[in-house]
Amino acid sequence: MSNHFTGLSLGPPLGDQRLDLCDLYAFQAPADPARTVIILNANPNADALHPDAIYRVNIDNDGDGLTDIAVSYVFAPPQGDRQTFSVFLARGEEARSPEAVGEKVVSDEEVSFGTRARMVRAGDITFFAGSRSDAFFFDFDGVEKLFDTSGGRNFTAPHLGGKSPWTGVDSNASANVFSTVMELPTADLGADPDIRIWGRCSLRKDGRLEHVDRAGHPSVSSFFNTDETKVEYNAAEPVNDRARWTDQFVHLMGHTGNYSREEAIAAIDAEGLLPDMLTYDPSKPARYPNGRIFTDDVINHRLAFLSKGDIPPTGLSPHTDVLDEFPYLGNPHPAAG
């Protein structure tokens, strides 16, 4: 749910799990704090990604809300249980093109669908693409009890007060995800002192690219949008977020946490929620909302934010199968029998 359910009726974008961006992480490499790890996960089925889609990591390093570095992952049509991927790296004005442009730094390398994680090195950058254990933890049954999801409202109308909704069961304990991972020298990011990161999934339809999903702050798209606004939000550019979405966010927070307009805007600004880009200052330890690490309980964080602290924590623990080495997410769980 961190960024799931961004399509209509609590489904994936366009009804296609391959297009569903799940989670975005950014943190210092454990073995070398002078390097940064950026992970963009998609497809909770952890199978092949869409061959007509572009999966993009966008980085703004000067605070203007526009992309200064773009890393685009594209995937060949799957052949049986195999698939290959390529990566393009663009900088400056070229990075603002929605296409996979720039230098082709990875060409037709194998996707990892088993427990062997294939690393691909391109100069000082290391890449990975393939199925991994999902590090995101949440109590989905409890969330469903907490929110009224009828009428296309998604998770925008919580039932506050009364019996705790939490079941104590991690719905994602044995889940897998398709992960794209890159590790690069932090100096290459041009952070001054921070950067803003966001993910984009675009699908080529009838000869043009349609922006179908995006990921920035965890749980924002899921909790702040209804079916009426999801398609527009997913296609929107972060540079326009503050002007377009502030009133909607303020209105929702008034209902979920009894925020005044001034309180809501102050809370949004304190977290850097709009524009919806993950802020990361590599000179400070990563912990959401400064980047994001696997142990961050982003659901508890978001529910406390929405309710002004009234929703109790779920009591769940982070997953223990994550790694201290590349690609950091654990081996994929065996397929259910």
Protein backbone atom coordinates (compact mmCIF):
# COMPACT_ATOMS: atom_id res chain seq x y z
CA MET A 1 0.00 0.00 0.00
CA SER A 2 2.93 2.35 0.35
CA ASN A 3 2.20 3.41 -3.20
CA HIS A 4 -0.19 0.62 -4.18
CA PHE A 5 -3.86 1.08 -5.09
CA THR A 6 -3.08 4.09 -7.25
CA GLY A 7 -5.39 2.84 -9.99
CA LEU A 8 -9.17 2.99 -9.94
CA SER A 9 -11.25 0.92 -7.50
CA LEU A 10 -8.23 0.08 -5.33
CA GLY A 11 -6.51 -1.56 -8.30
CA PRO A 12 -3.30 -0.97 -10.24
CA PRO A 13 -3.03 1.70 -12.97
CA LEU A 14 -4.99 0.67 -16.07
CA GLY A 15 -5.76 -2.60 -14.26
CA ASP A 16 -2.23 -3.83 -14.99
CA GLN A 17 0.01 -4.85 -12.06
CA ARG A 18 3.11 -4.41 -14.22
CA LEU A 19 2.49 -0.65 -14.25
CA ASP A 20 2.08 -0.33 -10.48
CA LEU A 21 4.92 1.55 -8.78
CA CYS A 22 5.13 0.23 -5.23
CA ASP A 23 7.92 1.85 -3.19
CA LEU A 24 10.78 4.32 -3.49
CA TYR A 25 13.85 4.14 -1.21
CA ALA A 26 16.97 6.29 -0.90
CA PHE A 27 19.79 5.77 1.61
CA GLN A 28 23.55 5.67 2.09
CA ALA A 29 25.23 2.41 1.05
CA PRO A 30 25.98 0.50 4.27
CA ALA A 31 29.54 -0.36 3.27
CA ASP A 32 30.38 3.06 1.83
CA PRO A 33 28.55 6.19 3.03
CA ALA A 34 30.02 8.07 0.06
CA ARG A 35 27.64 6.10 -2.18
CA THR A 36 23.85 6.34 -2.44
CA VAL A 37 21.33 3.59 -3.11
CA ILE A 38 18.07 4.42 -4.92
CA ILE A 39 15.47 1.68 -5.30
CA LEU A 40 12.23 1.90 -7.26
CA ASN A 41 9.94 -1.11 -6.92
CA ALA A 42 7.07 -2.06 -9.20
CA ASN A 43 4.70 -4.94 -9.95
CA PRO A 44 3.73 -6.73 -6.72
CA ASN A 45 3.47 -9.93 -8.76
CA ALA A 46 7.26 -9.69 -9.23
CA ASP A 47 7.07 -11.04 -12.77
CA ALA A 48 8.18 -9.44 -16.03
CA LEU A 49 7.71 -5.70 -16.43
CA HIS A 50 5.80 -4.13 -19.31
CA PRO A 51 7.84 -4.00 -22.55
CA ASP A 52 6.00 -0.87 -23.73
CA ALA A 53 6.65 1.06 -20.51
CA ILE A 54 9.41 3.33 -19.23
CA TYR A 55 10.22 3.08 -15.52
CA ARG A 56 11.97 6.27 -14.52
CA VAL A 57 13.85 7.62 -11.50
CA ASN A 58 13.81 11.43 -11.62
CA ILE A 59 16.20 13.55 -9.55
CA ASP A 60 15.91 17.29 -8.95
CA ASN A 61 19.14 18.65 -7.45
CA ASP A 62 18.52 22.40 -7.55
CA GLY A 63 15.09 22.70 -5.92
CA ASP A 64 13.13 23.95 -8.93
CA GLY A 65 10.92 20.85 -9.14
CA LEU A 66 12.28 19.88 -12.58
CA THR A 67 14.27 16.76 -13.40
CA ASP A 68 18.05 17.27 -13.59
CA ILE A 69 19.03 13.58 -13.71
CA ALA A 70 16.84 10.86 -15.23
CA VAL A 71 17.52 7.14 -15.03
CA SER A 72 15.18 5.22 -17.35
CA TYR A 73 14.72 1.45 -17.24
CA VAL A 74 13.19 -0.25 -20.28
CA PHE A 75 12.43 -3.95 -20.71
CA ALA A 76 12.36 -6.25 -23.72
CA PRO A 77 9.35 -8.50 -24.33
CA PRO A 78 9.70 -11.56 -22.06
CA GLN A 79 10.82 -14.79 -23.67
CA GLY A 80 9.44 -17.61 -21.55
CA ASP A 81 10.80 -17.05 -18.06
CA ARG A 82 13.51 -14.63 -19.22
CA GLN A 83 13.61 -10.89 -19.84
CA THR A 84 16.34 -8.34 -20.50
CA PHE A 85 16.61 -4.70 -19.53
CA SER A 86 18.46 -1.59 -20.61
CA VAL A 87 19.15 1.65 -18.73
CA PHE A 88 19.49 5.20 -20.06
CA LEU A 89 21.08 8.05 -18.09
CA ALA A 90 20.26 11.67 -19.00
CA ARG A 91 21.26 14.95 -17.40
CA GLY A 92 20.18 18.57 -17.68
CA GLU A 93 17.57 19.67 -20.18
CA GLU A 94 17.59 16.27 -21.89
CA ALA A 95 16.49 14.64 -18.61
CA ARG A 96 13.13 16.42 -18.85
CA SER A 97 12.10 14.46 -21.92
CA PRO A 98 9.57 11.76 -21.00
CA GLU A 99 11.35 9.35 -23.35
CA ALA A 100 14.20 7.00 -22.43
CA VAL A 101 16.97 9.33 -23.58
CA GLY A 102 20.59 10.03 -22.80
CA GLU A 103 23.52 7.63 -22.64
CA LYS A 104 22.64 3.95 -22.82
CA VAL A 105 24.67 2.73 -19.83
CA VAL A 106 23.17 -0.79 -19.66
CA SER A 107 22.28 -2.75 -22.77
CA ASP A 108 20.15 -5.90 -22.86
CA GLU A 109 21.25 -7.39 -19.55
CA GLU A 110 19.46 -10.30 -17.91
CA VAL A 111 16.69 -9.67 -15.39
CA SER A 112 17.06 -11.73 -12.21
CA PHE A 113 13.98 -13.83 -11.51
CA GLY A 114 15.56 -16.33 -9.11
CA THR A 115 17.68 -16.13 -5.99
CA ARG A 116 20.84 -15.27 -7.93
CA ALA A 117 21.05 -11.49 -8.06
CA ARG A 118 22.86 -10.39 -11.22
CA MET A 119 24.73 -7.12 -10.74
CA VAL A 120 25.49 -4.93 -13.74
CA ARG A 121 28.28 -2.35 -13.48
CA ALA A 122 28.43 0.70 -15.69
CA GLY A 123 31.44 2.77 -14.68
CA ASP A 124 30.93 3.79 -11.04
CA ILE A 125 27.24 2.80 -11.04
CA THR A 126 25.88 -0.62 -10.16
CA PHE A 127 22.43 -1.70 -11.37
CA PHE A 128 20.03 -4.55 -10.69
CA ALA A 129 16.60 -5.44 -12.04
CA GLY A 130 14.52 -8.40 -10.95
CA SER A 131 12.33 -10.06 -8.36
CA ARG A 132 13.14 -9.57 -4.67
CA SER A 133 11.48 -9.93 -1.30
CA ASP A 134 9.27 -6.91 -0.58
CA ALA A 135 10.52 -4.94 2.45
CA PHE A 136 7.28 -3.00 2.89
CA PHE A 137 5.25 -4.10 5.92
CA PHE A 138 1.61 -3.28 6.66
CA ASP A 139 -1.64 -4.64 8.12
CA PHE A 140 -3.96 -4.52 5.12
CA ASP A 141 -6.94 -6.10 6.90
CA GLY A 142 -6.61 -3.49 9.64
CA VAL A 143 -6.41 -0.65 7.14
CA GLU A 144 -9.59 -1.93 5.48
CA LYS A 145 -11.33 -1.89 8.86
CA LEU A 146 -10.08 1.62 9.57
CA PHE A 147 -11.23 3.22 6.32
CA ASP A 148 -14.49 3.46 4.44
CA THR A 149 -13.47 2.60 0.90
CA SER A 150 -16.93 2.66 -0.66
CA GLY A 151 -17.83 4.90 -3.58
CA GLY A 152 -14.31 5.25 -4.94
CA ARG A 153 -13.08 7.11 -1.87
CA ASN A 154 -10.11 4.81 -1.35
CA PHE A 155 -8.44 5.43 1.99
CA THR A 156 -9.74 8.95 2.51
CA ALA A 157 -12.48 8.42 5.12
CA PRO A 158 -11.16 6.77 8.31
CA HIS A 159 -13.38 5.52 11.14
CA LEU A 160 -11.63 7.11 14.14
CA GLY A 161 -12.24 6.10 17.74
CA GLY A 162 -13.56 2.86 19.13
CA LYS A 163 -11.85 -0.54 18.94
CA SER A 164 -8.39 -0.73 17.41
CA PRO A 165 -8.59 -2.05 13.84
CA TRP A 166 -5.20 -3.74 13.88
CA THR A 167 -4.93 -7.50 13.42
CA GLY A 168 -1.22 -7.82 14.16
CA VAL A 169 -0.71 -9.66 10.86
CA ASP A 170 1.77 -8.38 8.30
CA SER A 171 -0.01 -8.78 4.98
CA ASN A 172 3.30 -8.48 3.13
CA ALA A 173 5.35 -10.97 5.14
CA SER A 174 5.90 -13.32 2.18
CA ALA A 175 5.38 -10.85 -0.68
CA ASN A 176 7.74 -10.29 -3.59
CA VAL A 177 8.19 -7.28 -5.83
CA PHE A 178 10.04 -6.37 -9.02
CA SER A 179 12.91 -4.14 -7.97
CA THR A 180 15.18 -1.76 -9.86
CA VAL A 181 18.25 -0.83 -7.83
CA MET A 182 21.12 1.51 -8.55
CA GLU A 183 24.07 2.45 -6.37
CA LEU A 184 26.24 5.39 -7.38
CA PRO A 185 28.72 7.90 -5.96
CA THR A 186 26.77 10.43 -3.93
CA ALA A 187 28.85 13.21 -5.47
CA ASP A 188 27.27 12.39 -8.86
CA LEU A 189 23.86 13.45 -7.54
CA GLY A 190 24.91 17.08 -7.08
CA ALA A 191 23.07 17.43 -3.76
CA ASP A 192 23.27 21.01 -2.42
CA PRO A 193 22.58 20.02 0.33
CA ASP A 194 19.73 17.71 -0.71
CA ILE A 195 17.99 16.25 -3.72
CA ARG A 196 14.38 15.37 -4.48
CA ILE A 197 13.54 12.02 -6.03
CA TRP A 198 10.42 10.67 -7.66
CA GLY A 199 9.48 7.68 -9.77
CA ARG A 200 7.43 7.61 -12.94
CA CYS A 201 5.88 4.83 -15.01
CA SER A 202 4.84 5.76 -18.54
CA LEU A 203 3.18 3.49 -21.09
CA ARG A 204 3.38 3.88 -24.85
CA LYS A 205 -0.14 3.72 -26.30
CA ASP A 206 -1.05 4.58 -29.88
CA GLY A 207 2.40 6.03 -30.45
CA ARG A 208 2.49 8.38 -27.44
CA LEU A 209 3.55 8.08 -23.83
CA GLU A 210 0.83 8.10 -21.20
CA HIS A 211 1.98 8.76 -17.61
CA VAL A 212 0.16 6.11 -15.59
CA ASP A 213 1.79 6.15 -12.15
CA ARG A 214 4.26 8.04 -10.02
CA ALA A 215 5.89 7.57 -6.62
CA GLY A 216 7.40 10.07 -4.23
CA HIS A 217 6.48 10.22 -0.57
CA PRO A 218 5.21 6.86 0.71
CA SER A 219 1.44 6.45 1.01
CA VAL A 220 0.62 9.90 -0.33
CA SER A 221 -1.00 8.92 -3.61
CA SER A 222 -2.97 6.12 -1.93
CA PHE A 223 -4.28 8.13 1.01
CA PHE A 224 -4.82 11.57 -0.50
CA ASN A 225 -6.61 10.63 -3.72
CA THR A 226 -9.97 9.25 -4.73
CA ASP A 227 -11.02 7.67 -8.01
CA GLU A 228 -11.99 11.15 -9.19
CA THR A 229 -8.44 12.46 -8.95
CA LYS A 230 -6.16 9.44 -9.34
CA VAL A 231 -5.67 9.50 -13.08
CA GLU A 232 -4.89 13.21 -13.09
CA TYR A 233 -2.57 12.90 -10.08
CA ASN A 234 -0.66 9.97 -11.57
CA ALA A 235 -0.11 11.90 -14.82
CA ALA A 236 0.83 15.19 -13.12
CA GLU A 237 4.29 16.72 -12.83
CA PRO A 238 5.58 17.48 -9.31
CA VAL A 239 6.49 21.05 -10.27
CA ASN A 240 2.73 21.78 -10.43
CA ASP A 241 1.77 19.90 -7.26
CA ARG A 242 1.61 22.75 -4.81
CA ALA A 243 -0.69 24.89 -6.95
CA ARG A 244 -2.95 21.99 -7.98
CA TRP A 245 -3.18 19.75 -4.90
CA THR A 246 -2.73 21.89 -1.77
CA ASP A 247 -6.46 22.61 -1.38
CA GLN A 248 -7.37 18.94 -1.77
CA PHE A 249 -4.76 17.84 0.79
CA VAL A 250 -5.88 20.55 3.23
CA HIS A 251 -9.53 19.55 2.82
CA LEU A 252 -8.77 15.89 3.51
CA MET A 253 -6.63 16.65 6.55
CA GLY A 254 -9.47 18.73 7.96
CA HIS A 255 -11.62 15.60 7.91
CA THR A 256 -9.03 13.07 9.04
CA GLY A 257 -7.25 15.10 11.73
CA ASN A 258 -9.40 18.17 12.33
CA TYR A 259 -6.58 20.34 11.00
CA SER A 260 -7.21 24.01 10.42
CA ARG A 261 -6.03 25.25 7.03
CA GLU A 262 -3.01 26.89 8.63
CA GLU A 263 -2.14 23.73 10.59
CA ALA A 264 -2.47 21.53 7.51
CA ILE A 265 -0.23 23.72 5.36
CA ALA A 266 2.36 23.89 8.17
CA ALA A 267 2.35 20.07 8.45
CA ILE A 268 2.63 19.67 4.67
CA ASP A 269 5.56 22.09 4.58
CA ALA A 270 7.32 20.52 7.58
CA GLU A 271 7.39 17.17 5.80
CA GLY A 272 7.97 18.60 2.31
CA LEU A 273 4.90 16.71 1.10
CA LEU A 274 4.21 19.01 -1.84
CA PRO A 275 5.68 18.69 -4.34
CA ASP A 276 5.34 14.91 -3.95
CA MET A 277 9.05 14.12 -4.21
CA LEU A 278 11.15 12.25 -1.66
CA THR A 279 13.70 14.61 -0.11
CA TYR A 280 17.13 13.16 0.63
CA ASP A 281 20.06 14.96 2.25
CA PRO A 282 22.96 12.48 2.02
CA SER A 283 24.96 14.34 4.68
CA LYS A 284 22.42 13.16 7.28
CA PRO A 285 21.39 9.61 8.22
CA ALA A 286 18.60 8.34 6.01
CA ARG A 287 15.30 7.93 7.82
CA TYR A 288 11.97 9.02 6.44
CA PRO A 289 11.21 11.84 5.65
CA ASN A 290 14.93 12.20 4.85
CA GLY A 291 15.15 9.51 2.20
CA ARG A 292 13.66 6.17 3.19
CA ILE A 293 15.08 2.94 4.62
CA PHE A 294 13.56 -0.52 4.96
CA THR A 295 12.84 -0.18 8.70
CA ASP A 296 10.78 3.00 8.33
CA ASP A 297 7.18 2.29 9.35
CA VAL A 298 5.69 4.54 6.72
CA ILE A 299 2.09 3.41 7.31
CA ASN A 300 2.22 4.37 11.00
CA HIS A 301 3.87 7.63 9.98
CA ARG A 302 1.22 8.47 7.40
CA LEU A 303 -1.74 7.51 9.60
CA ALA A 304 -0.36 9.60 12.47
CA PHE A 305 0.12 12.48 10.04
CA LEU A 306 -3.44 12.25 8.72
CA SER A 307 -5.07 11.93 12.14
CA LYS A 308 -2.81 14.34 14.01
CA GLY A 309 -1.65 11.42 16.16
CA ASP A 310 -5.06 9.88 16.92
CA ILE A 311 -4.59 6.57 15.07
CA PRO A 312 -2.57 4.10 17.19
CA PRO A 313 0.45 2.30 15.67
CA THR A 314 -0.01 -1.13 14.12
CA GLY A 315 2.65 -2.81 16.24
CA LEU A 316 4.26 -4.56 13.27
CA SER A 317 8.02 -5.09 12.92
CA PRO A 318 10.23 -4.56 9.87
CA HIS A 319 11.18 -7.53 7.72
CA THR A 320 14.38 -9.31 8.73
CA ASP A 321 15.46 -10.74 5.35
CA VAL A 322 16.96 -7.52 3.97
CA LEU A 323 20.66 -7.51 3.11
CA ASP A 324 23.63 -5.33 4.04
CA GLU A 325 25.00 -5.73 0.52
CA PHE A 326 23.79 -5.03 -3.00
CA PRO A 327 20.94 -5.33 -4.06
CA TYR A 328 19.86 -4.92 -0.38
CA LEU A 329 16.39 -6.42 -0.72
CA GLY A 330 16.27 -10.10 0.24
CA ASN A 331 15.92 -13.08 -2.06
CA PRO A 332 12.41 -13.58 -3.44
CA HIS A 333 10.09 -15.87 -1.51
CA PRO A 334 9.19 -19.18 -3.18
CA ALA A 335 5.99 -19.12 -5.19
CA ALA A 336 2.95 -20.23 -3.25
CA GLY A 337 2.05 -23.85 -3.92
